[in-house]
C-alpha cells in the first residue's frame, strides 16, 4: 500500500476494512455503497433500456466466443493447467493468450481482405515472407 503515490488497490482497502472477518463501520459503508451501484446496474438492465441490454449481450457473446476458441486451442492435457507453481501457470496462460490473439488477428485480416475483395492469399503470403 502506498498512500503517497495513490497506488492502493481497492481489494487491499476492502481487506483492511473487514477487520479480520468483523467489518468496521467504514467497511459496512463501502459494502452498502457497492450495493447501490449494483442495484442501479440491475435496474438499468431490467428497465426498458434495450440498447444497454443489447450492448451487454454483444459483449457477452464476444467473450463466450473467445473462451470457446481458447478451449479449442488449449486441448492438450484435457485443457487443464498442470503446472503446480505460479510462474509455470502464468507461462502457460501467456502462451495461450499469444496464440489466441494471433488466431484472432489472422481471422480479422483475412475477413477484412475478403470484404475489400482483395486477393487474399497473395497478400497474406507477402506478409509472411
N, C-alpha and C. Protein backbone atom coordinates (compact mmCIF):
# COMPACT_ATOMS: atom_id res chain seq x y z
N UNK A 1 0.83 -1.17 0.00
CA UNK A 1 0.00 0.00 0.00
C UNK A 1 0.88 1.24 0.00
N UNK A 2 0.51 2.19 -0.81
CA UNK A 2 1.27 3.42 -0.87
C UNK A 2 0.28 4.57 -1.04
N UNK A 3 -0.01 5.24 0.06
CA UNK A 3 -0.98 6.32 0.02
C UNK A 3 -0.40 7.58 -0.63
N UNK A 4 0.91 7.77 -0.55
CA UNK A 4 1.53 8.96 -1.12
C UNK A 4 1.41 8.99 -2.64
N UNK A 5 1.64 7.85 -3.27
CA UNK A 5 1.60 7.77 -4.74
C UNK A 5 0.23 7.39 -5.27
N UNK A 6 -0.73 7.23 -4.41
CA UNK A 6 -2.10 6.86 -4.78
C UNK A 6 -2.13 5.52 -5.52
N UNK A 7 -1.40 4.57 -5.02
CA UNK A 7 -1.34 3.25 -5.64
C UNK A 7 -1.88 2.17 -4.71
N UNK A 8 -2.99 2.43 -4.08
CA UNK A 8 -3.61 1.45 -3.20
C UNK A 8 -4.69 0.72 -3.99
N UNK A 9 -4.63 -0.59 -3.97
CA UNK A 9 -5.64 -1.38 -4.66
C UNK A 9 -6.92 -1.40 -3.85
N UNK A 10 -8.04 -1.44 -4.57
CA UNK A 10 -9.34 -1.47 -3.90
C UNK A 10 -9.47 -2.71 -3.02
N UNK A 11 -8.95 -3.84 -3.49
CA UNK A 11 -9.05 -5.07 -2.70
C UNK A 11 -8.31 -4.94 -1.37
N UNK A 12 -7.19 -4.21 -1.35
CA UNK A 12 -6.45 -4.02 -0.11
C UNK A 12 -7.23 -3.15 0.87
N UNK A 13 -7.86 -2.11 0.35
CA UNK A 13 -8.67 -1.24 1.22
C UNK A 13 -9.82 -2.03 1.81
N UNK A 14 -10.49 -2.81 0.99
CA UNK A 14 -11.62 -3.60 1.50
C UNK A 14 -11.17 -4.65 2.50
N UNK A 15 -10.00 -5.25 2.27
CA UNK A 15 -9.48 -6.24 3.22
C UNK A 15 -9.21 -5.60 4.57
N UNK A 16 -8.65 -4.40 4.56
CA UNK A 16 -8.35 -3.69 5.80
C UNK A 16 -9.64 -3.34 6.54
N UNK A 17 -10.66 -2.93 5.79
CA UNK A 17 -11.91 -2.52 6.44
C UNK A 17 -12.73 -3.69 6.95
N UNK A 18 -12.35 -4.92 6.56
CA UNK A 18 -13.10 -6.08 7.05
C UNK A 18 -12.66 -6.48 8.45
N UNK A 19 -11.49 -6.05 8.88
CA UNK A 19 -11.06 -6.25 10.26
C UNK A 19 -11.05 -7.68 10.72
N UNK A 20 -10.54 -8.59 9.93
CA UNK A 20 -10.45 -9.99 10.35
C UNK A 20 -11.79 -10.69 10.41
N UNK A 21 -12.69 -10.37 9.54
CA UNK A 21 -13.99 -11.03 9.48
C UNK A 21 -15.11 -10.22 10.09
N UNK A 22 -14.80 -9.26 10.93
CA UNK A 22 -15.81 -8.38 11.52
C UNK A 22 -15.66 -7.01 10.86
N UNK A 23 -16.57 -6.65 9.97
CA UNK A 23 -16.41 -5.39 9.24
C UNK A 23 -16.47 -4.18 10.17
N UNK A 24 -15.62 -3.20 9.87
CA UNK A 24 -15.67 -1.93 10.59
C UNK A 24 -16.83 -1.11 10.04
N UNK A 25 -17.11 0.02 10.67
CA UNK A 25 -18.18 0.88 10.15
C UNK A 25 -17.88 1.34 8.74
N UNK A 26 -16.61 1.65 8.46
CA UNK A 26 -16.23 2.04 7.11
C UNK A 26 -16.43 0.89 6.14
N UNK A 27 -16.10 -0.31 6.57
CA UNK A 27 -16.30 -1.49 5.73
C UNK A 27 -17.76 -1.71 5.40
N UNK A 28 -18.63 -1.54 6.38
CA UNK A 28 -20.07 -1.68 6.14
C UNK A 28 -20.57 -0.61 5.18
N UNK A 29 -20.06 0.62 5.35
CA UNK A 29 -20.48 1.72 4.47
C UNK A 29 -20.03 1.45 3.03
N UNK A 30 -18.81 0.97 2.84
CA UNK A 30 -18.33 0.66 1.50
C UNK A 30 -19.13 -0.47 0.86
N UNK A 31 -19.51 -1.45 1.66
CA UNK A 31 -20.33 -2.55 1.13
C UNK A 31 -21.69 -2.04 0.68
N UNK A 32 -22.29 -1.17 1.47
CA UNK A 32 -23.59 -0.60 1.09
C UNK A 32 -23.46 0.27 -0.16
N UNK A 33 -22.37 1.02 -0.26
CA UNK A 33 -22.14 1.86 -1.44
C UNK A 33 -22.01 0.98 -2.69
N UNK A 34 -21.35 -0.15 -2.57
CA UNK A 34 -21.23 -1.08 -3.70
C UNK A 34 -22.56 -1.66 -4.09
N UNK A 35 -23.43 -1.89 -3.12
CA UNK A 35 -24.76 -2.41 -3.42
C UNK A 35 -25.59 -1.40 -4.21
N UNK A 36 -25.36 -0.11 -3.97
CA UNK A 36 -26.08 0.92 -4.71
C UNK A 36 -25.74 0.82 -6.20
N UNK A 37 -24.46 0.74 -6.52
CA UNK A 37 -24.03 0.65 -7.92
C UNK A 37 -24.57 -0.63 -8.57
N UNK A 38 -24.56 -1.72 -7.82
CA UNK A 38 -25.06 -2.98 -8.35
C UNK A 38 -26.56 -2.89 -8.61
N UNK A 39 -27.30 -2.26 -7.71
CA UNK A 39 -28.74 -2.11 -7.88
C UNK A 39 -29.06 -1.24 -9.09
N UNK A 40 -28.30 -0.14 -9.25
CA UNK A 40 -28.52 0.72 -10.42
C UNK A 40 -28.27 -0.04 -11.71
N UNK A 41 -27.22 -0.85 -11.72
CA UNK A 41 -26.91 -1.65 -12.91
C UNK A 41 -28.06 -2.61 -13.22
N UNK A 42 -28.56 -3.31 -12.20
CA UNK A 42 -29.66 -4.26 -12.42
C UNK A 42 -30.92 -3.55 -12.88
N UNK A 43 -31.20 -2.39 -12.33
CA UNK A 43 -32.39 -1.65 -12.75
C UNK A 43 -32.26 -1.18 -14.20
N UNK A 44 -31.07 -0.74 -14.59
CA UNK A 44 -30.84 -0.35 -15.99
C UNK A 44 -31.01 -1.54 -16.92
N UNK A 45 -30.56 -2.69 -16.46
CA UNK A 45 -30.65 -3.89 -17.28
C UNK A 45 -32.10 -4.35 -17.42
N UNK A 46 -32.84 -4.32 -16.33
CA UNK A 46 -34.22 -4.79 -16.33
C UNK A 46 -35.15 -3.77 -16.99
N UNK A 47 -34.85 -2.51 -16.81
CA UNK A 47 -35.70 -1.44 -17.33
C UNK A 47 -35.78 -1.52 -18.85
N UNK A 48 -36.48 -0.61 -19.42
CA UNK A 48 -36.75 -0.62 -20.86
C UNK A 48 -35.55 -0.20 -21.70
N UNK A 49 -34.38 -0.07 -21.13
CA UNK A 49 -33.20 0.35 -21.87
C UNK A 49 -32.69 -0.81 -22.72
N UNK A 50 -33.33 -0.98 -23.89
CA UNK A 50 -32.99 -2.09 -24.78
C UNK A 50 -31.57 -1.97 -25.32
N UNK A 51 -31.10 -0.76 -25.56
CA UNK A 51 -29.75 -0.55 -26.07
C UNK A 51 -28.70 -1.06 -25.10
N UNK A 52 -28.90 -0.80 -23.81
CA UNK A 52 -27.97 -1.26 -22.78
C UNK A 52 -27.94 -2.78 -22.73
N UNK A 53 -29.11 -3.39 -22.83
CA UNK A 53 -29.20 -4.85 -22.82
C UNK A 53 -28.50 -5.46 -24.03
N UNK A 54 -28.69 -4.84 -25.20
CA UNK A 54 -28.03 -5.32 -26.41
C UNK A 54 -26.51 -5.20 -26.30
N UNK A 55 -26.06 -4.09 -25.72
CA UNK A 55 -24.62 -3.87 -25.55
C UNK A 55 -24.02 -4.96 -24.66
N UNK A 56 -24.68 -5.27 -23.57
CA UNK A 56 -24.19 -6.32 -22.66
C UNK A 56 -24.23 -7.68 -23.36
N UNK A 57 -25.30 -7.96 -24.08
CA UNK A 57 -25.42 -9.24 -24.78
C UNK A 57 -24.32 -9.39 -25.83
N UNK A 58 -24.04 -8.32 -26.56
CA UNK A 58 -22.98 -8.36 -27.57
C UNK A 58 -21.64 -8.64 -26.93
N UNK A 59 -21.36 -7.96 -25.81
CA UNK A 59 -20.09 -8.17 -25.12
C UNK A 59 -19.97 -9.60 -24.58
N UNK A 60 -21.06 -10.12 -24.02
CA UNK A 60 -21.04 -11.49 -23.52
C UNK A 60 -20.81 -12.49 -24.64
N UNK A 61 -21.45 -12.25 -25.79
CA UNK A 61 -21.28 -13.14 -26.93
C UNK A 61 -19.83 -13.15 -27.40
N UNK A 62 -19.21 -11.96 -27.45
CA UNK A 62 -17.80 -11.89 -27.84
C UNK A 62 -16.91 -12.65 -26.87
N UNK A 63 -17.14 -12.46 -25.58
CA UNK A 63 -16.32 -13.14 -24.57
C UNK A 63 -16.53 -14.65 -24.62
N UNK A 64 -17.78 -15.09 -24.78
CA UNK A 64 -18.05 -16.52 -24.85
C UNK A 64 -17.40 -17.13 -26.08
N UNK A 65 -17.40 -16.42 -27.20
CA UNK A 65 -16.75 -16.91 -28.41
C UNK A 65 -15.25 -17.02 -28.21
N UNK A 66 -14.67 -16.04 -27.55
CA UNK A 66 -13.23 -16.07 -27.28
C UNK A 66 -12.88 -17.24 -26.36
N UNK A 67 -13.70 -17.48 -25.33
CA UNK A 67 -13.44 -18.60 -24.43
C UNK A 67 -13.60 -19.94 -25.16
N UNK A 68 -14.58 -20.03 -26.06
CA UNK A 68 -14.77 -21.27 -26.81
C UNK A 68 -13.55 -21.53 -27.70
N UNK A 69 -13.03 -20.48 -28.34
CA UNK A 69 -11.83 -20.63 -29.17
C UNK A 69 -10.64 -21.04 -28.30
N UNK A 70 -10.51 -20.46 -27.13
CA UNK A 70 -9.41 -20.81 -26.23
C UNK A 70 -9.50 -22.28 -25.82
N UNK A 71 -10.71 -22.78 -25.58
CA UNK A 71 -10.86 -24.19 -25.22
C UNK A 71 -10.46 -25.10 -26.39
N UNK A 72 -10.76 -24.67 -27.62
CA UNK A 72 -10.37 -25.47 -28.78
C UNK A 72 -8.84 -25.48 -28.96
N UNK A 73 -8.23 -24.33 -28.74
CA UNK A 73 -6.77 -24.24 -28.90
C UNK A 73 -6.06 -25.00 -27.79
N UNK A 74 -6.55 -24.87 -26.57
CA UNK A 74 -5.88 -25.45 -25.40
C UNK A 74 -6.44 -26.85 -25.14
N UNK A 75 -6.17 -27.76 -26.06
CA UNK A 75 -6.72 -29.10 -25.95
C UNK A 75 -5.78 -30.08 -25.26
N UNK A 76 -4.50 -29.75 -25.19
CA UNK A 76 -3.54 -30.67 -24.58
C UNK A 76 -3.82 -30.87 -23.11
N UNK A 77 -3.57 -32.06 -22.63
CA UNK A 77 -3.79 -32.42 -21.22
C UNK A 77 -5.21 -32.12 -20.76
N UNK A 78 -6.14 -32.39 -21.66
CA UNK A 78 -7.57 -32.21 -21.38
C UNK A 78 -7.93 -30.76 -21.03
N UNK A 79 -7.17 -29.83 -21.53
CA UNK A 79 -7.47 -28.42 -21.31
C UNK A 79 -7.23 -27.94 -19.89
N UNK A 80 -6.42 -28.66 -19.14
CA UNK A 80 -6.15 -28.28 -17.76
C UNK A 80 -4.73 -27.74 -17.62
N UNK A 81 -4.57 -26.77 -16.76
CA UNK A 81 -3.25 -26.24 -16.45
C UNK A 81 -2.64 -27.15 -15.41
N UNK A 82 -1.50 -27.76 -15.75
CA UNK A 82 -0.91 -28.77 -14.88
C UNK A 82 0.28 -28.27 -14.08
N UNK A 83 0.75 -27.07 -14.34
CA UNK A 83 1.91 -26.57 -13.61
C UNK A 83 1.51 -26.28 -12.17
N UNK A 84 2.32 -26.74 -11.24
CA UNK A 84 1.96 -26.58 -9.83
C UNK A 84 2.46 -25.26 -9.25
N UNK A 85 3.29 -24.55 -9.97
CA UNK A 85 3.82 -23.29 -9.45
C UNK A 85 3.30 -22.13 -10.29
N UNK A 86 3.22 -20.98 -9.68
CA UNK A 86 2.57 -19.83 -10.29
C UNK A 86 3.23 -19.38 -11.59
N UNK A 87 4.56 -19.35 -11.63
CA UNK A 87 5.26 -18.89 -12.83
C UNK A 87 4.96 -19.80 -14.01
N UNK A 88 4.87 -21.08 -13.76
CA UNK A 88 4.55 -22.03 -14.83
C UNK A 88 3.14 -21.84 -15.36
N UNK A 89 2.20 -21.59 -14.44
CA UNK A 89 0.83 -21.34 -14.85
C UNK A 89 0.73 -20.05 -15.66
N UNK A 90 1.45 -19.02 -15.20
CA UNK A 90 1.45 -17.75 -15.94
C UNK A 90 2.04 -17.94 -17.32
N UNK A 91 3.07 -18.77 -17.42
CA UNK A 91 3.67 -19.06 -18.73
C UNK A 91 2.70 -19.76 -19.66
N UNK A 92 1.99 -20.75 -19.14
CA UNK A 92 1.01 -21.47 -19.95
C UNK A 92 -0.12 -20.54 -20.40
N UNK A 93 -0.62 -19.74 -19.48
CA UNK A 93 -1.71 -18.82 -19.85
C UNK A 93 -1.22 -17.73 -20.80
N UNK A 94 0.01 -17.28 -20.63
CA UNK A 94 0.56 -16.28 -21.54
C UNK A 94 0.71 -16.83 -22.95
N UNK A 95 1.17 -18.07 -23.06
CA UNK A 95 1.31 -18.71 -24.38
C UNK A 95 -0.06 -18.90 -25.02
N UNK A 96 -1.03 -19.31 -24.23
CA UNK A 96 -2.39 -19.47 -24.75
C UNK A 96 -2.93 -18.14 -25.25
N UNK A 97 -2.73 -17.08 -24.48
CA UNK A 97 -3.19 -15.75 -24.88
C UNK A 97 -2.52 -15.28 -26.16
N UNK A 98 -1.22 -15.55 -26.30
CA UNK A 98 -0.49 -15.16 -27.50
C UNK A 98 -1.03 -15.88 -28.73
N UNK A 99 -1.22 -17.18 -28.63
CA UNK A 99 -1.75 -17.95 -29.76
C UNK A 99 -3.18 -17.52 -30.07
N UNK A 100 -3.97 -17.31 -29.06
CA UNK A 100 -5.35 -16.88 -29.24
C UNK A 100 -5.42 -15.54 -29.95
N UNK A 101 -4.58 -14.59 -29.53
CA UNK A 101 -4.55 -13.28 -30.18
C UNK A 101 -4.07 -13.38 -31.62
N UNK A 102 -3.11 -14.28 -31.88
CA UNK A 102 -2.62 -14.46 -33.25
C UNK A 102 -3.72 -15.02 -34.15
N UNK A 103 -4.49 -15.97 -33.66
CA UNK A 103 -5.60 -16.54 -34.44
C UNK A 103 -6.65 -15.47 -34.72
N UNK A 104 -6.98 -14.67 -33.72
CA UNK A 104 -7.98 -13.62 -33.91
C UNK A 104 -7.48 -12.58 -34.90
N UNK A 105 -6.22 -12.19 -34.81
CA UNK A 105 -5.66 -11.23 -35.76
C UNK A 105 -5.68 -11.80 -37.18
N UNK A 106 -5.27 -13.05 -37.33
CA UNK A 106 -5.27 -13.70 -38.64
C UNK A 106 -6.68 -13.69 -39.23
N UNK A 107 -7.67 -14.10 -38.45
CA UNK A 107 -9.06 -14.15 -38.94
C UNK A 107 -9.57 -12.76 -39.30
N UNK A 108 -9.22 -11.77 -38.50
CA UNK A 108 -9.67 -10.40 -38.77
C UNK A 108 -9.08 -9.89 -40.07
N UNK A 109 -7.77 -10.09 -40.25
CA UNK A 109 -7.12 -9.67 -41.50
C UNK A 109 -7.72 -10.40 -42.70
N UNK A 110 -7.91 -11.69 -42.56
CA UNK A 110 -8.45 -12.50 -43.65
C UNK A 110 -9.84 -12.02 -44.04
N UNK A 111 -10.71 -11.81 -43.07
CA UNK A 111 -12.07 -11.36 -43.36
C UNK A 111 -12.08 -9.95 -43.93
N UNK A 112 -11.20 -9.07 -43.43
CA UNK A 112 -11.12 -7.72 -43.99
C UNK A 112 -10.71 -7.75 -45.45
N UNK A 113 -9.77 -8.60 -45.79
CA UNK A 113 -9.32 -8.68 -47.19
C UNK A 113 -10.41 -9.24 -48.08
N UNK A 114 -11.15 -10.21 -47.57
CA UNK A 114 -12.27 -10.75 -48.35
C UNK A 114 -13.35 -9.69 -48.55
N UNK A 115 -13.62 -8.93 -47.51
CA UNK A 115 -14.64 -7.89 -47.59
C UNK A 115 -14.26 -6.82 -48.60
N UNK A 116 -12.98 -6.50 -48.68
CA UNK A 116 -12.50 -5.48 -49.61
C UNK A 116 -12.20 -6.04 -51.00
N UNK A 117 -12.50 -7.33 -51.20
CA UNK A 117 -12.30 -8.01 -52.49
C UNK A 117 -10.86 -7.92 -52.96
N UNK A 118 -9.94 -8.08 -52.07
CA UNK A 118 -8.52 -8.12 -52.42
C UNK A 118 -8.09 -9.57 -52.56
N UNK A 119 -7.06 -9.82 -53.35
CA UNK A 119 -6.54 -11.19 -53.42
C UNK A 119 -5.94 -11.58 -52.07
N UNK A 120 -6.57 -12.52 -51.42
CA UNK A 120 -6.24 -12.84 -50.03
C UNK A 120 -4.90 -13.55 -49.90
N UNK A 121 -4.72 -14.66 -50.59
CA UNK A 121 -3.54 -15.48 -50.35
C UNK A 121 -2.25 -14.79 -50.78
N UNK A 122 -2.28 -14.07 -51.88
CA UNK A 122 -1.08 -13.36 -52.31
C UNK A 122 -0.65 -12.32 -51.31
N UNK A 123 -1.61 -11.60 -50.77
CA UNK A 123 -1.31 -10.56 -49.80
C UNK A 123 -0.79 -11.18 -48.49
N UNK A 124 -1.43 -12.22 -48.04
CA UNK A 124 -1.02 -12.86 -46.77
C UNK A 124 0.35 -13.51 -46.93
N UNK A 125 0.59 -14.19 -48.04
CA UNK A 125 1.89 -14.82 -48.25
C UNK A 125 2.99 -13.75 -48.31
N UNK A 126 2.67 -12.57 -48.87
CA UNK A 126 3.63 -11.49 -48.90
C UNK A 126 3.97 -11.00 -47.50
N UNK A 127 2.98 -11.01 -46.61
CA UNK A 127 3.21 -10.58 -45.23
C UNK A 127 4.08 -11.57 -44.48
N UNK A 128 3.95 -12.84 -44.80
CA UNK A 128 4.67 -13.88 -44.05
C UNK A 128 6.13 -13.99 -44.46
N UNK A 129 6.44 -13.64 -45.70
CA UNK A 129 7.83 -13.82 -46.16
C UNK A 129 8.67 -12.59 -45.92
